[in-house]
Amino acid sequence: MAIQKGFWLALGIGILVLVAAVVLLLQPSGQVSDFKKWQYQSSAKQTPSSSLQVKFFGVSTLLFDDGKTQVLIDGFFSRPSLYQVLFQNIQSQPELIRQMIQQQHLQRTQAIFVTHSHYDHALDIAELARQLPQTKIIGSKSSLNIARGGQVAEQQLIQVQPWHTLSFGEFKVTTIASQHTPPTAVNNDLGEEIKQPLQLPARFSEFKEGHSFDYLIEHQGHKILVKASTGAVPDQLKNLKVDTLFLGIAQLSRQSEQFQQNYLDQTLRALKPKVVIPIHWDNFFQAGNQPLEFLPYLADNTEQSLKILIQAAEQQHTRLVLLSQPVSYPLDLALQSNSSK
């Protein structure tokens, strides 16, 4: 009897420890509020005078707007929960997309550039294209097959060509072949393609990476690079200089120190931007109407990843700006003195 009691006691303690560990792993890996020094606070004085603005909606969804034309990167708004991703087929939310179109005036969006075809980048492109029939979808063959699965018209689809430039209004956007974040157990599909139209709902694992791309955006003399993933093709960017760098930092802290330094050498240190803005740091299992928070410990140590970038930026006197809410950030600020806040 004593042995049985000991067994059940040990089992109960083990279960409690396991539950506590799971709860801890699902907690945000740090607090955004601890980085208030770097957070952008919108100012009524700055917004009207800026000719080029951007809004950050989490992951690598970025809306560039010059008042006439909009260019959207990725456009991931539906953000299914962790439970939905693991145990259900996932799909876009048409009503949510309709609301985003109205709220953000996306009728002015002429093009959506897709960085790669994982669901946290490409889930909503078909629904966006259906509701915005004048908008072009630019991406890999895999990304276009996601759109085709949603019956998007072929004339809306443009397959990316590395170093090819497309113009939309005052925007000139050049595609640059890139490299995804190193694979993990749940996204070990790098280089795999979606070879047939993908109809939704679908399992998250059906959203194959399909090759990754960076986008160089030029607008009236302002140069911007969007790099969504924590990976770089060696020397790909060595002859390029930009004013603003949107730099993916997902799982940066999980990589070796050698990887971290090489990644920063190939991006931040090579490009020498006036401003660097970290992206792909937020918990994309959380609904978009909630304040952005760091990825859970289960996925990353975002606090440490951000500290690594902050240290590197300070060493070369590049200003780091943390966008933690979808407010208009005036990109003209990058052309001003680095000392301005």
C-alpha atoms as a PDB file:
ATOM      1  CA  MET A   1       0.000   0.000   0.000  1.00  0.00           C
ATOM      2  CA  ALA A   2       2.831   2.403   0.879  1.00  0.00           C
ATOM      3  CA  ILE A   3       4.490   1.608  -2.459  1.00  0.00           C
ATOM      4  CA  GLN A   4       1.247   2.319  -4.305  1.00  0.00           C
ATOM      5  CA  LYS A   5       0.845   5.636  -2.491  1.00  0.00           C
ATOM      6  CA  GLY A   6       4.426   6.540  -3.345  1.00  0.00           C
ATOM      7  CA  PHE A   7       3.837   5.681  -6.985  1.00  0.00           C
ATOM      8  CA  TRP A   8       0.715   7.811  -7.275  1.00  0.00           C
ATOM      9  CA  LEU A   9       2.377  10.678  -5.412  1.00  0.00           C
ATOM     10  CA  ALA A  10       5.368  10.579  -7.745  1.00  0.00           C
ATOM     11  CA  LEU A  11       3.064  10.377 -10.773  1.00  0.00           C
ATOM     12  CA  GLY A  12       1.037  13.342  -9.554  1.00  0.00           C
ATOM     13  CA  ILE A  13       4.160  15.410  -8.970  1.00  0.00           C
ATOM     14  CA  GLY A  14       5.460  14.450 -12.397  1.00  0.00           C
ATOM     15  CA  ILE A  15       2.217  15.543 -14.062  1.00  0.00           C
ATOM     16  CA  LEU A  16       2.263  18.852 -12.193  1.00  0.00           C
ATOM     17  CA  VAL A  17       5.864  19.479 -13.228  1.00  0.00           C
ATOM     18  CA  LEU A  18       4.992  18.662 -16.840  1.00  0.00           C
ATOM     19  CA  VAL A  19       1.987  20.985 -16.826  1.00  0.00           C
ATOM     20  CA  ALA A  20       4.069  23.755 -15.246  1.00  0.00           C
ATOM     21  CA  ALA A  21       6.758  23.296 -17.895  1.00  0.00           C
ATOM     22  CA  VAL A  22       4.213  23.499 -20.730  1.00  0.00           C
ATOM     23  CA  VAL A  23       2.639  26.613 -19.212  1.00  0.00           C
ATOM     24  CA  LEU A  24       6.080  28.226 -18.938  1.00  0.00           C
ATOM     25  CA  LEU A  25       7.015  27.343 -22.528  1.00  0.00           C
ATOM     26  CA  LEU A  26       3.822  28.999 -23.772  1.00  0.00           C
ATOM     27  CA  GLN A  27       4.560  32.267 -21.969  1.00  0.00           C
ATOM     28  CA  PRO A  28       5.981  35.214 -23.933  1.00  0.00           C
ATOM     29  CA  SER A  29       9.780  35.128 -24.008  1.00  0.00           C
ATOM     30  CA  GLY A  30      10.084  38.533 -22.390  1.00  0.00           C
ATOM     31  CA  GLN A  31       8.004  41.679 -22.259  1.00  0.00           C
ATOM     32  CA  VAL A  32       7.704  44.236 -25.044  1.00  0.00           C
ATOM     33  CA  SER A  33       7.345  46.939 -22.381  1.00  0.00           C
ATOM     34  CA  ASP A  34      10.948  46.295 -21.280  1.00  0.00           C
ATOM     35  CA  PHE A  35      12.070  47.762 -24.611  1.00  0.00           C
ATOM     36  CA  LYS A  36      10.122  51.017 -24.329  1.00  0.00           C
ATOM     37  CA  LYS A  37      13.327  52.977 -25.031  1.00  0.00           C
ATOM     38  CA  TRP A  38      13.259  51.688 -28.620  1.00  0.00           C
ATOM     39  CA  GLN A  39       9.491  51.637 -29.204  1.00  0.00           C
ATOM     40  CA  TYR A  40       8.091  54.125 -31.661  1.00  0.00           C
ATOM     41  CA  GLN A  41       5.429  56.414 -30.261  1.00  0.00           C
ATOM     42  CA  SER A  42       3.330  58.081 -32.952  1.00  0.00           C
ATOM     43  CA  SER A  43       3.286  61.858 -33.024  1.00  0.00           C
ATOM     44  CA  ALA A  44       0.633  64.025 -34.645  1.00  0.00           C
ATOM     45  CA  LYS A  45       3.393  66.451 -35.638  1.00  0.00           C
ATOM     46  CA  GLN A  46       5.247  63.882 -37.736  1.00  0.00           C
ATOM     47  CA  THR A  47       2.523  62.017 -39.611  1.00  0.00           C
ATOM     48  CA  PRO A  48       1.063  64.720 -41.926  1.00  0.00           C
ATOM     49  CA  SER A  49       4.488  65.904 -43.172  1.00  0.00           C
ATOM     50  CA  SER A  50       5.717  62.427 -44.113  1.00  0.00           C
ATOM     51  CA  SER A  51       5.325  61.407 -47.755  1.00  0.00           C
ATOM     52  CA  LEU A  52       6.081  57.726 -47.091  1.00  0.00           C
ATOM     53  CA  GLN A  53       4.750  55.713 -44.179  1.00  0.00           C
ATOM     54  CA  VAL A  54       4.645  52.094 -43.115  1.00  0.00           C
ATOM     55  CA  LYS A  55       2.433  50.100 -40.765  1.00  0.00           C
ATOM     56  CA  PHE A  56       3.596  46.866 -39.137  1.00  0.00           C
ATOM     57  CA  PHE A  57       0.941  44.232 -38.425  1.00  0.00           C
ATOM     58  CA  GLY A  58       3.216  41.531 -37.020  1.00  0.00           C
ATOM     59  CA  VAL A  59       5.414  38.776 -38.525  1.00  0.00           C
ATOM     60  CA  SER A  60       6.515  40.470 -41.779  1.00  0.00           C
ATOM     61  CA  THR A  61       3.250  42.080 -42.827  1.00  0.00           C
ATOM     62  CA  LEU A  62       4.171  45.640 -43.784  1.00  0.00           C
ATOM     63  CA  LEU A  63       1.953  48.188 -45.512  1.00  0.00           C
ATOM     64  CA  PHE A  64       3.874  50.911 -47.350  1.00  0.00           C
ATOM     65  CA  ASP A  65       1.786  53.961 -48.229  1.00  0.00           C
ATOM     66  CA  ASP A  66       2.676  57.265 -49.894  1.00  0.00           C
ATOM     67  CA  GLY A  67      -0.866  58.635 -49.788  1.00  0.00           C
ATOM     68  CA  LYS A  68      -1.663  57.542 -53.327  1.00  0.00           C
ATOM     69  CA  THR A  69      -0.328  54.025 -53.735  1.00  0.00           C
ATOM     70  CA  GLN A  70       0.084  51.161 -51.292  1.00  0.00           C
ATOM     71  CA  VAL A  71       2.437  48.184 -51.497  1.00  0.00           C
ATOM     72  CA  LEU A  72       1.869  45.302 -49.078  1.00  0.00           C
ATOM     73  CA  ILE A  73       4.396  42.714 -47.937  1.00  0.00           C
ATOM     74  CA  ASP A  74       2.792  39.305 -47.208  1.00  0.00           C
ATOM     75  CA  GLY A  75      -0.542  40.471 -45.781  1.00  0.00           C
ATOM     76  CA  PHE A  76      -0.992  37.871 -43.013  1.00  0.00           C
ATOM     77  CA  PHE A  77      -3.987  39.006 -40.951  1.00  0.00           C
ATOM     78  CA  SER A  78      -6.026  35.906 -40.028  1.00  0.00           C
ATOM     79  CA  ARG A  79      -3.455  34.571 -37.504  1.00  0.00           C
ATOM     80  CA  PRO A  80      -4.988  31.206 -36.440  1.00  0.00           C
ATOM     81  CA  SER A  81      -4.367  30.105 -32.863  1.00  0.00           C
ATOM     82  CA  LEU A  82      -1.763  27.516 -31.864  1.00  0.00           C
ATOM     83  CA  TYR A  83      -4.565  24.989 -31.274  1.00  0.00           C
ATOM     84  CA  GLN A  84      -5.964  25.602 -34.752  1.00  0.00           C
ATOM     85  CA  VAL A  85      -2.533  25.288 -36.359  1.00  0.00           C
ATOM     86  CA  LEU A  86      -1.704  22.033 -34.592  1.00  0.00           C
ATOM     87  CA  PHE A  87      -5.051  20.256 -34.686  1.00  0.00           C
ATOM     88  CA  GLN A  88      -7.204  21.762 -37.441  1.00  0.00           C
ATOM     89  CA  ASN A  89      -7.078  22.774 -41.062  1.00  0.00           C
ATOM     90  CA  ILE A  90      -6.473  26.504 -41.323  1.00  0.00           C
ATOM     91  CA  GLN A  91      -7.960  29.103 -43.647  1.00  0.00           C
ATOM     92  CA  SER A  92      -8.316  32.801 -44.240  1.00  0.00           C
ATOM     93  CA  GLN A  93     -11.127  34.752 -42.555  1.00  0.00           C
ATOM     94  CA  PRO A  94     -13.045  36.630 -45.292  1.00  0.00           C
ATOM     95  CA  GLU A  95     -14.893  38.950 -42.924  1.00  0.00           C
ATOM     96  CA  LEU A  96     -11.690  39.907 -41.120  1.00  0.00           C
ATOM     97  CA  ILE A  97     -10.015  40.573 -44.463  1.00  0.00           C
ATOM     98  CA  ARG A  98     -12.981  42.725 -45.513  1.00  0.00           C
ATOM     99  CA  GLN A  99     -12.622  44.753 -42.309  1.00  0.00           C
ATOM    100  CA  MET A 100      -8.873  45.197 -42.844  1.00  0.00           C
ATOM    101  CA  ILE A 101      -9.476  46.388 -46.400  1.00  0.00           C
ATOM    102  CA  GLN A 102     -11.931  49.004 -45.169  1.00  0.00           C
ATOM    103  CA  GLN A 103      -9.907  50.114 -42.134  1.00  0.00           C
ATOM    104  CA  GLN A 104      -6.572  50.348 -43.941  1.00  0.00           C
ATOM    105  CA  HIS A 105      -7.930  51.576 -47.293  1.00  0.00           C
ATOM    106  CA  LEU A 106      -6.376  48.605 -49.050  1.00  0.00           C
ATOM    107  CA  GLN A 107      -8.283  49.435 -52.214  1.00  0.00           C
ATOM    108  CA  ARG A 108      -5.175  51.523 -52.947  1.00  0.00           C
ATOM    109  CA  THR A 109      -2.909  48.465 -52.679  1.00  0.00           C
ATOM    110  CA  GLN A 110      -1.519  47.840 -56.140  1.00  0.00           C
ATOM    111  CA  ALA A 111       0.728  44.892 -55.254  1.00  0.00           C
ATOM    112  CA  ILE A 112       1.262  42.239 -52.590  1.00  0.00           C
ATOM    113  CA  PHE A 113       4.809  40.857 -52.468  1.00  0.00           C
ATOM    114  CA  VAL A 114       5.096  37.448 -50.744  1.00  0.00           C
ATOM    115  CA  THR A 115       8.383  36.647 -48.989  1.00  0.00           C
ATOM    116  CA  HIS A 116       7.792  32.871 -48.948  1.00  0.00           C
ATOM    117  CA  SER A 117       4.938  30.397 -48.787  1.00  0.00           C
ATOM    118  CA  HIS A 118       4.679  29.321 -45.147  1.00  0.00           C
ATOM    119  CA  TYR A 119       1.210  30.008 -43.772  1.00  0.00           C
ATOM    120  CA  ASP A 120       2.328  32.864 -41.491  1.00  0.00           C
ATOM    121  CA  HIS A 121       3.210  34.788 -44.648  1.00  0.00           C
ATOM    122  CA  ALA A 122       0.882  33.511 -47.366  1.00  0.00           C
ATOM    123  CA  LEU A 123      -2.339  32.276 -45.727  1.00  0.00           C
ATOM    124  CA  ASP A 124      -4.396  35.324 -46.728  1.00  0.00           C
ATOM    125  CA  ILE A 125      -3.082  36.111 -50.213  1.00  0.00           C
ATOM    126  CA  ALA A 126      -5.909  34.332 -52.064  1.00  0.00           C
ATOM    127  CA  GLU A 127      -8.648  36.045 -50.051  1.00  0.00           C
ATOM    128  CA  LEU A 128      -6.935  39.416 -50.372  1.00  0.00           C
ATOM    129  CA  ALA A 129      -6.670  38.949 -54.132  1.00  0.00           C
ATOM    130  CA  ARG A 130     -10.330  37.932 -54.434  1.00  0.00           C
ATOM    131  CA  GLN A 131     -11.485  41.004 -52.559  1.00  0.00           C
ATOM    132  CA  LEU A 132      -8.965  43.260 -54.329  1.00  0.00           C
ATOM    133  CA  PRO A 133      -9.308  42.202 -57.975  1.00  0.00           C
ATOM    134  CA  GLN A 134      -7.080  45.046 -59.232  1.00  0.00           C
ATOM    135  CA  THR A 135      -4.184  44.010 -56.966  1.00  0.00           C
ATOM    136  CA  LYS A 136      -1.233  41.971 -58.247  1.00  0.00           C
ATOM    137  CA  ILE A 137       0.163  39.043 -56.243  1.00  0.00           C
ATOM    138  CA  ILE A 138       3.926  38.704 -56.693  1.00  0.00           C
ATOM    139  CA  GLY A 139       5.632  35.603 -55.330  1.00  0.00           C
ATOM    140  CA  SER A 140       7.182  32.229 -56.019  1.00  0.00           C
ATOM    141  CA  LYS A 141       5.496  29.468 -57.965  1.00  0.00           C
ATOM    142  CA  SER A 142       4.402  28.043 -54.603  1.00  0.00           C
ATOM    143  CA  SER A 143       2.871  31.329 -53.461  1.00  0.00           C
ATOM    144  CA  LEU A 144       1.016  31.681 -56.737  1.00  0.00           C
ATOM    145  CA  ASN A 145      -0.342  28.148 -56.328  1.00  0.00           C
ATOM    146  CA  ILE A 146      -1.846  29.216 -52.999  1.00  0.00           C
ATOM    147  CA  ALA A 147      -3.592  32.035 -54.870  1.00  0.00           C
ATOM    148  CA  ARG A 148      -4.675  29.667 -57.650  1.00  0.00           C
ATOM    149  CA  GLY A 149      -6.201  27.381 -55.024  1.00  0.00           C
ATOM    150  CA  GLY A 150      -8.474  30.296 -54.169  1.00  0.00           C
ATOM    151  CA  GLN A 151      -9.520  30.791 -57.800  1.00  0.00           C
ATOM    152  CA  VAL A 152      -7.581  34.019 -58.198  1.00  0.00           C
ATOM    153  CA  ALA A 153      -7.503  35.241 -61.797  1.00  0.00           C
ATOM    154  CA  GLU A 154      -4.250  34.484 -63.642  1.00  0.00           C
ATOM    155  CA  GLN A 155      -3.881  38.094 -64.754  1.00  0.00           C
ATOM    156  CA  GLN A 156      -3.413  39.057 -61.097  1.00  0.00           C
ATOM    157  CA  LEU A 157      -0.432  36.727 -60.640  1.00  0.00           C
ATOM    158  CA  ILE A 158       3.226  37.536 -61.295  1.00  0.00           C
ATOM    159  CA  GLN A 159       6.000  35.043 -60.587  1.00  0.00           C
ATOM    160  CA  VAL A 160       9.085  36.613 -58.993  1.00  0.00           C
ATOM    161  CA  GLN A 161      12.315  36.914 -60.932  1.00  0.00           C
ATOM    162  CA  PRO A 162      15.456  37.658 -58.901  1.00  0.00           C
ATOM    163  CA  TRP A 163      16.844  41.141 -59.521  1.00  0.00           C
ATOM    164  CA  HIS A 164      13.815  42.054 -61.631  1.00  0.00           C
ATOM    165  CA  THR A 165      12.216  45.396 -60.752  1.00  0.00           C
ATOM    166  CA  LEU A 166       8.488  46.135 -60.867  1.00  0.00           C
ATOM    167  CA  SER A 167       6.999  49.629 -60.615  1.00  0.00           C
ATOM    168  CA  PHE A 168       3.745  50.602 -58.920  1.00  0.00           C
ATOM    169  CA  GLY A 169       3.105  54.334 -58.692  1.00  0.00           C
ATOM    170  CA  GLU A 170       6.239  55.880 -57.177  1.00  0.00           C
ATOM    171  CA  PHE A 171       7.361  52.502 -55.787  1.00  0.00           C
ATOM    172  CA  LYS A 172      10.042  50.431 -57.471  1.00  0.00           C
ATOM    173  CA  VAL A 173      10.390  46.956 -55.982  1.00  0.00           C
ATOM    174  CA  THR A 174      13.252  44.576 -56.765  1.00  0.00           C
ATOM    175  CA  THR A 175      13.185  40.891 -55.828  1.00  0.00           C
ATOM    176  CA  ILE A 176      16.325  39.437 -54.245  1.00  0.00           C
ATOM    177  CA  ALA A 177      16.734  35.685 -53.713  1.00  0.00           C
ATOM    178  CA  SER A 178      17.192  34.966 -50.022  1.00  0.00           C
ATOM    179  CA  GLN A 179      17.468  32.168 -47.491  1.00  0.00           C
ATOM    180  CA  HIS A 180      14.995  31.044 -44.846  1.00  0.00           C
ATOM    181  CA  THR A 181      15.672  30.767 -41.137  1.00  0.00           C
ATOM    182  CA  PRO A 182      17.441  27.433 -40.400  1.00  0.00           C
ATOM    183  CA  PRO A 183      14.910  24.572 -40.331  1.00  0.00           C
ATOM    184  CA  THR A 184      13.248  23.202 -37.210  1.00  0.00           C
ATOM    185  CA  ALA A 185      11.216  20.059 -36.582  1.00  0.00           C
ATOM    186  CA  VAL A 186       8.020  21.827 -37.669  1.00  0.00           C
ATOM    187  CA  ASN A 187       9.288  23.638 -40.775  1.00  0.00           C
ATOM    188  CA  ASN A 188      11.874  21.247 -42.179  1.00  0.00           C
ATOM    189  CA  ASP A 189      10.650  21.834 -45.737  1.00  0.00           C
ATOM    190  CA  LEU A 190      13.073  24.421 -47.027  1.00  0.00           C
ATOM    191  CA  GLY A 191      13.238  24.436 -50.793  1.00  0.00           C
ATOM    192  CA  GLU A 192      10.148  22.243 -51.137  1.00  0.00           C
ATOM    193  CA  GLU A 193       7.446  23.602 -53.410  1.00  0.00           C
ATOM    194  CA  ILE A 194       3.666  23.673 -53.605  1.00  0.00           C
ATOM    195  CA  LYS A 195       3.346  22.120 -57.050  1.00  0.00           C
ATOM    196  CA  GLN A 196      -0.437  22.218 -57.432  1.00  0.00           C
ATOM    197  CA  PRO A 197      -3.091  24.822 -56.521  1.00  0.00           C
ATOM    198  CA  LEU A 198      -3.597  24.637 -52.750  1.00  0.00           C
ATOM    199  CA  GLN A 199      -7.231  24.856 -51.709  1.00  0.00           C
ATOM    200  CA  LEU A 200      -8.120  26.054 -48.225  1.00  0.00           C
ATOM    201  CA  PRO A 201      -8.712  24.990 -45.565  1.00  0.00           C
ATOM    202  CA  ALA A 202      -5.458  23.021 -45.411  1.00  0.00           C
ATOM    203  CA  ARG A 203      -2.975  21.733 -42.877  1.00  0.00           C
ATOM    204  CA  PHE A 204      -0.214  24.183 -41.977  1.00  0.00           C
ATOM    205  CA  SER A 205       2.350  21.645 -43.176  1.00  0.00           C
ATOM    206  CA  GLU A 206       0.967  21.931 -46.722  1.00  0.00           C
ATOM    207  CA  PHE A 207       2.288  25.498 -46.919  1.00  0.00           C
ATOM    208  CA  LYS A 208       5.767  24.583 -48.184  1.00  0.00           C
ATOM    209  CA  GLU A 209       8.452  27.241 -48.035  1.00  0.00           C
ATOM    210  CA  GLY A 210       8.868  27.369 -51.825  1.00  0.00           C
ATOM    211  CA  HIS A 211      12.040  29.550 -51.668  1.00  0.00           C
ATOM    212  CA  SER A 212      12.466  32.844 -49.850  1.00  0.00           C
ATOM    213  CA  PHE A 213      12.890  36.383 -51.123  1.00  0.00           C
ATOM    214  CA  ASP A 214      13.898  39.796 -49.875  1.00  0.00           C
ATOM    215  CA  TYR A 215      12.432  42.952 -51.387  1.00  0.00           C
ATOM    216  CA  LEU A 216      14.295  46.166 -52.122  1.00  0.00           C
ATOM    217  CA  ILE A 217      11.811  49.036 -52.169  1.00  0.00           C
ATOM    218  CA  GLU A 218      12.806  52.370 -53.678  1.00  0.00           C
ATOM    219  CA  HIS A 219      10.630  55.436 -53.355  1.00  0.00           C
ATOM    220  CA  GLN A 220      11.743  58.932 -54.359  1.00  0.00           C
ATOM    221  CA  GLY A 221      15.368  58.325 -53.362  1.00  0.00           C
ATOM    222  CA  HIS A 222      14.556  56.331 -50.222  1.00  0.00           C
ATOM    223  CA  LYS A 223      15.917  52.762 -50.205  1.00  0.00           C
ATOM    224  CA  ILE A 224      14.331  50.114 -47.996  1.00  0.00           C
ATOM    225  CA  LEU A 225      15.104  46.410 -47.675  1.00  0.00           C
ATOM    226  CA  VAL A 226      12.607  43.934 -46.252  1.00  0.00           C
ATOM    227  CA  LYS A 227      14.246  40.711 -45.075  1.00  0.00           C
ATOM    228  CA  ALA A 228      11.605  38.551 -43.421  1.00  0.00           C
ATOM    229  CA  SER A 229      13.640  35.464 -42.540  1.00  0.00           C
ATOM    230  CA  THR A 230      16.715  35.011 -40.362  1.00  0.00           C
ATOM    231  CA  GLY A 231      18.915  33.747 -43.166  1.00  0.00           C
ATOM    232  CA  ALA A 232      21.139  35.275 -45.831  1.00  0.00           C
ATOM    233  CA  VAL A 233      22.791  34.254 -49.077  1.00  0.00           C
ATOM    234  CA  PRO A 234      26.547  34.955 -48.670  1.00  0.00           C
ATOM    235  CA  ASP A 235      27.613  38.289 -50.187  1.00  0.00           C
ATOM    236  CA  GLN A 236      24.208  38.783 -51.815  1.00  0.00           C
ATOM    237  CA  LEU A 237      23.817  42.270 -50.362  1.00  0.00           C
ATOM    238  CA  LYS A 238      27.473  43.411 -50.200  1.00  0.00           C
ATOM    239  CA  ASN A 239      27.111  46.081 -52.912  1.00  0.00           C
ATOM    240  CA  LEU A 240      23.834  47.471 -51.586  1.00  0.00           C
ATOM    241  CA  LYS A 241      23.233  50.301 -49.123  1.00  0.00           C
ATOM    242  CA  VAL A 242      19.809  51.198 -47.728  1.00  0.00           C
ATOM    243  CA  ASP A 243      18.251  53.855 -45.523  1.00  0.00           C
ATOM    244  CA  THR A 244      15.888  51.533 -43.654  1.00  0.00           C
ATOM    245  CA  LEU A 245      16.263  47.807 -42.999  1.00  0.00           C
ATOM    246  CA  PHE A 246      13.348  45.651 -41.863  1.00  0.00           C
ATOM    247  CA  LEU A 247      15.235  42.668 -40.423  1.00  0.00           C
ATOM    248  CA  GLY A 248      13.768  39.327 -39.428  1.00  0.00           C
ATOM    249  CA  ILE A 249      15.069  38.067 -36.073  1.00  0.00           C
ATOM    250  CA  ALA A 250      12.951  34.933 -35.512  1.00  0.00           C
ATOM    251  CA  GLN A 251      15.036  32.310 -33.677  1.00  0.00           C
ATOM    252  CA  LEU A 252      18.214  34.370 -33.926  1.00  0.00           C
ATOM    253  CA  SER A 253      19.027  33.604 -30.282  1.00  0.00           C
ATOM    254  CA  ARG A 254      18.585  29.870 -30.942  1.00  0.00           C
ATOM    255  CA  GLN A 255      21.464  29.851 -33.448  1.00  0.00           C
ATOM    256  CA  SER A 256      25.175  29.545 -32.726  1.00  0.00           C
ATOM    257  CA  GLU A 257      27.182  32.685 -32.042  1.00  0.00           C
ATOM    258  CA  GLN A 258      28.989  32.133 -35.338  1.00  0.00           C
ATOM    259  CA  PHE A 259      25.648  32.083 -37.191  1.00  0.00           C
ATOM    260  CA  GLN A 260      24.469  35.212 -35.386  1.00  0.00           C
ATOM    261  CA  GLN A 261      27.583  37.179 -36.270  1.00  0.00           C
ATOM    262  CA  ASN A 262      27.575  35.987 -39.881  1.00  0.00           C
ATOM    263  CA  TYR A 263      23.899  36.922 -40.245  1.00  0.00           C
ATOM    264  CA  LEU A 264      24.565  40.405 -38.907  1.00  0.00           C
ATOM    265  CA  ASP A 265      27.663  40.716 -41.122  1.00  0.00           C
ATOM    266  CA  GLN A 266      25.626  39.839 -44.218  1.00  0.00           C
ATOM    267  CA  THR A 267      22.743  42.157 -43.371  1.00  0.00           C
ATOM    268  CA  LEU A 268      23.043  44.965 -40.835  1.00  0.00           C
ATOM    269  CA  ARG A 269      26.782  45.525 -41.186  1.00  0.00           C
ATOM    270  CA  ALA A 270      26.825  45.177 -44.974  1.00  0.00           C
ATOM    271  CA  LEU A 271      23.800  47.388 -45.647  1.00  0.00           C
ATOM    272  CA  LYS A 272      24.703  50.098 -43.097  1.00  0.00           C
ATOM    273  CA  PRO A 273      21.133  51.426 -42.725  1.00  0.00           C
ATOM    274  CA  LYS A 274      20.346  54.603 -40.851  1.00  0.00           C
ATOM    275  CA  VAL A 275      17.446  52.767 -39.172  1.00  0.00           C
ATOM    276  CA  VAL A 276      16.872  49.058 -38.517  1.00  0.00           C
ATOM    277  CA  ILE A 277      13.399  47.804 -37.619  1.00  0.00           C
ATOM    278  CA  PRO A 278      13.141  44.223 -36.313  1.00  0.00           C
ATOM    279  CA  ILE A 279      10.335  42.072 -37.716  1.00  0.00           C
ATOM    280  CA  HIS A 280       9.125  38.486 -37.275  1.00  0.00           C
ATOM    281  CA  TRP A 281       9.479  38.674 -33.499  1.00  0.00           C
ATOM    282  CA  ASP A 282       5.842  38.551 -32.408  1.00  0.00           C
ATOM    283  CA  ASN A 283       3.583  35.690 -31.317  1.00  0.00           C
ATOM    284  CA  PHE A 284       1.690  35.021 -34.558  1.00  0.00           C
ATOM    285  CA  PHE A 285      -0.639  32.539 -32.806  1.00  0.00           C
ATOM    286  CA  GLN A 286      -2.294  35.537 -31.159  1.00  0.00           C
ATOM    287  CA  ALA A 287      -5.181  37.365 -32.825  1.00  0.00           C
ATOM    288  CA  GLY A 288      -4.302  40.563 -34.643  1.00  0.00           C
ATOM    289  CA  ASN A 289      -6.675  42.676 -32.525  1.00  0.00           C
ATOM    290  CA  GLN A 290      -4.490  42.013 -29.470  1.00  0.00           C
ATOM    291  CA  PRO A 291      -1.318  43.965 -28.601  1.00  0.00           C
ATOM    292  CA  LEU A 292       1.751  42.323 -30.128  1.00  0.00           C
ATOM    293  CA  GLU A 293       3.753  40.217 -27.726  1.00  0.00           C
ATOM    294  CA  PHE A 294       6.978  38.251 -28.007  1.00  0.00           C
ATOM    295  CA  LEU A 295       7.011  34.695 -29.310  1.00  0.00           C
ATOM    296  CA  PRO A 296       6.595  32.085 -26.557  1.00  0.00           C
ATOM    297  CA  TYR A 297       9.653  30.358 -25.096  1.00  0.00           C
ATOM    298  CA  LEU A 298       8.526  27.240 -26.952  1.00  0.00           C
ATOM    299  CA  ALA A 299       9.385  28.948 -30.249  1.00  0.00           C
ATOM    300  CA  ASP A 300      12.109  31.442 -29.412  1.00  0.00           C
ATOM    301  CA  ASN A 301      13.822  33.644 -26.879  1.00  0.00           C
ATOM    302  CA  THR A 302      12.774  36.917 -28.477  1.00  0.00           C
ATOM    303  CA  GLU A 303      14.124  39.083 -25.684  1.00  0.00           C
ATOM    304  CA  GLN A 304      17.611  37.720 -26.295  1.00  0.00           C
ATOM    305  CA  SER A 305      17.264  37.949 -30.096  1.00  0.00           C
ATOM    306  CA  LEU A 306      16.294  41.603 -29.791  1.00  0.00           C
ATOM    307  CA  LYS A 307      19.191  42.340 -27.430  1.00  0.00           C
ATOM    308  CA  ILE A 308      21.633  40.813 -29.935  1.00  0.00           C
ATOM    309  CA  LEU A 309      20.329  43.142 -32.648  1.00  0.00           C
ATOM    310  CA  ILE A 310      20.296  46.186 -30.367  1.00  0.00           C
ATOM    311  CA  GLN A 311      23.938  45.643 -29.424  1.00  0.00           C
ATOM    312  CA  ALA A 312      25.020  45.257 -33.055  1.00  0.00           C
ATOM    313  CA  ALA A 313      23.050  48.339 -34.124  1.00  0.00           C
ATOM    314  CA  GLU A 314      24.532  50.486 -31.370  1.00  0.00           C
ATOM    315  CA  GLN A 315      28.059  49.400 -32.290  1.00  0.00           C
ATOM    316  CA  GLN A 316      27.668  50.902 -35.755  1.00  0.00           C
ATOM    317  CA  HIS A 317      25.471  53.848 -34.690  1.00  0.00           C
ATOM    318  CA  THR A 318      22.372  52.578 -36.474  1.00  0.00           C
ATOM    319  CA  ARG A 319      19.135  53.632 -34.801  1.00  0.00           C
ATOM    320  CA  LEU A 320      16.833  50.739 -33.872  1.00  0.00           C
ATOM    321  CA  VAL A 321      13.094  51.323 -33.861  1.00  0.00           C
ATOM    322  CA  LEU A 322      10.656  48.786 -32.444  1.00  0.00           C
ATOM    323  CA  LEU A 323       7.201  48.953 -34.043  1.00  0.00           C
ATOM    324  CA  SER A 324       4.840  47.259 -31.610  1.00  0.00           C
ATOM    325  CA  GLN A 325       1.471  48.433 -32.933  1.00  0.00           C
ATOM    326  CA  PRO A 326       0.034  49.109 -36.416  1.00  0.00           C
ATOM    327  CA  VAL A 327       0.442  52.865 -36.431  1.00  0.00           C
ATOM    328  CA  SER A 328       1.867  54.892 -39.313  1.00  0.00           C
ATOM    329  CA  TYR A 329       5.631  55.170 -38.985  1.00  0.00           C
ATOM    330  CA  PRO A 330       7.088  57.980 -41.147  1.00  0.00           C
ATOM    331  CA  LEU A 331       9.984  56.489 -43.079  1.00  0.00           C
ATOM    332  CA  ASP A 332      11.264  60.000 -43.813  1.00  0.00           C
ATOM    333  CA  LEU A 333      12.709  59.885 -40.287  1.00  0.00           C
ATOM    334  CA  ALA A 334      15.433  57.541 -41.561  1.00  0.00           C
ATOM    335  CA  LEU A 335      16.708  60.353 -43.769  1.00  0.00           C
ATOM    336  CA  GLN A 336      17.076  62.657 -40.777  1.00  0.00           C
ATOM    337  CA  SER A 337      19.881  62.684 -38.250  1.00  0.00           C
ATOM    338  CA  ASN A 338      20.495  59.413 -36.434  1.00  0.00           C
ATOM    339  CA  SER A 339      20.360  61.309 -33.193  1.00  0.00           C
ATOM    340  CA  SER A 340      16.714  62.290 -33.651  1.00  0.00           C
ATOM    341  CA  LYS A 341      14.126  60.215 -31.800  1.00  0.00           C
END
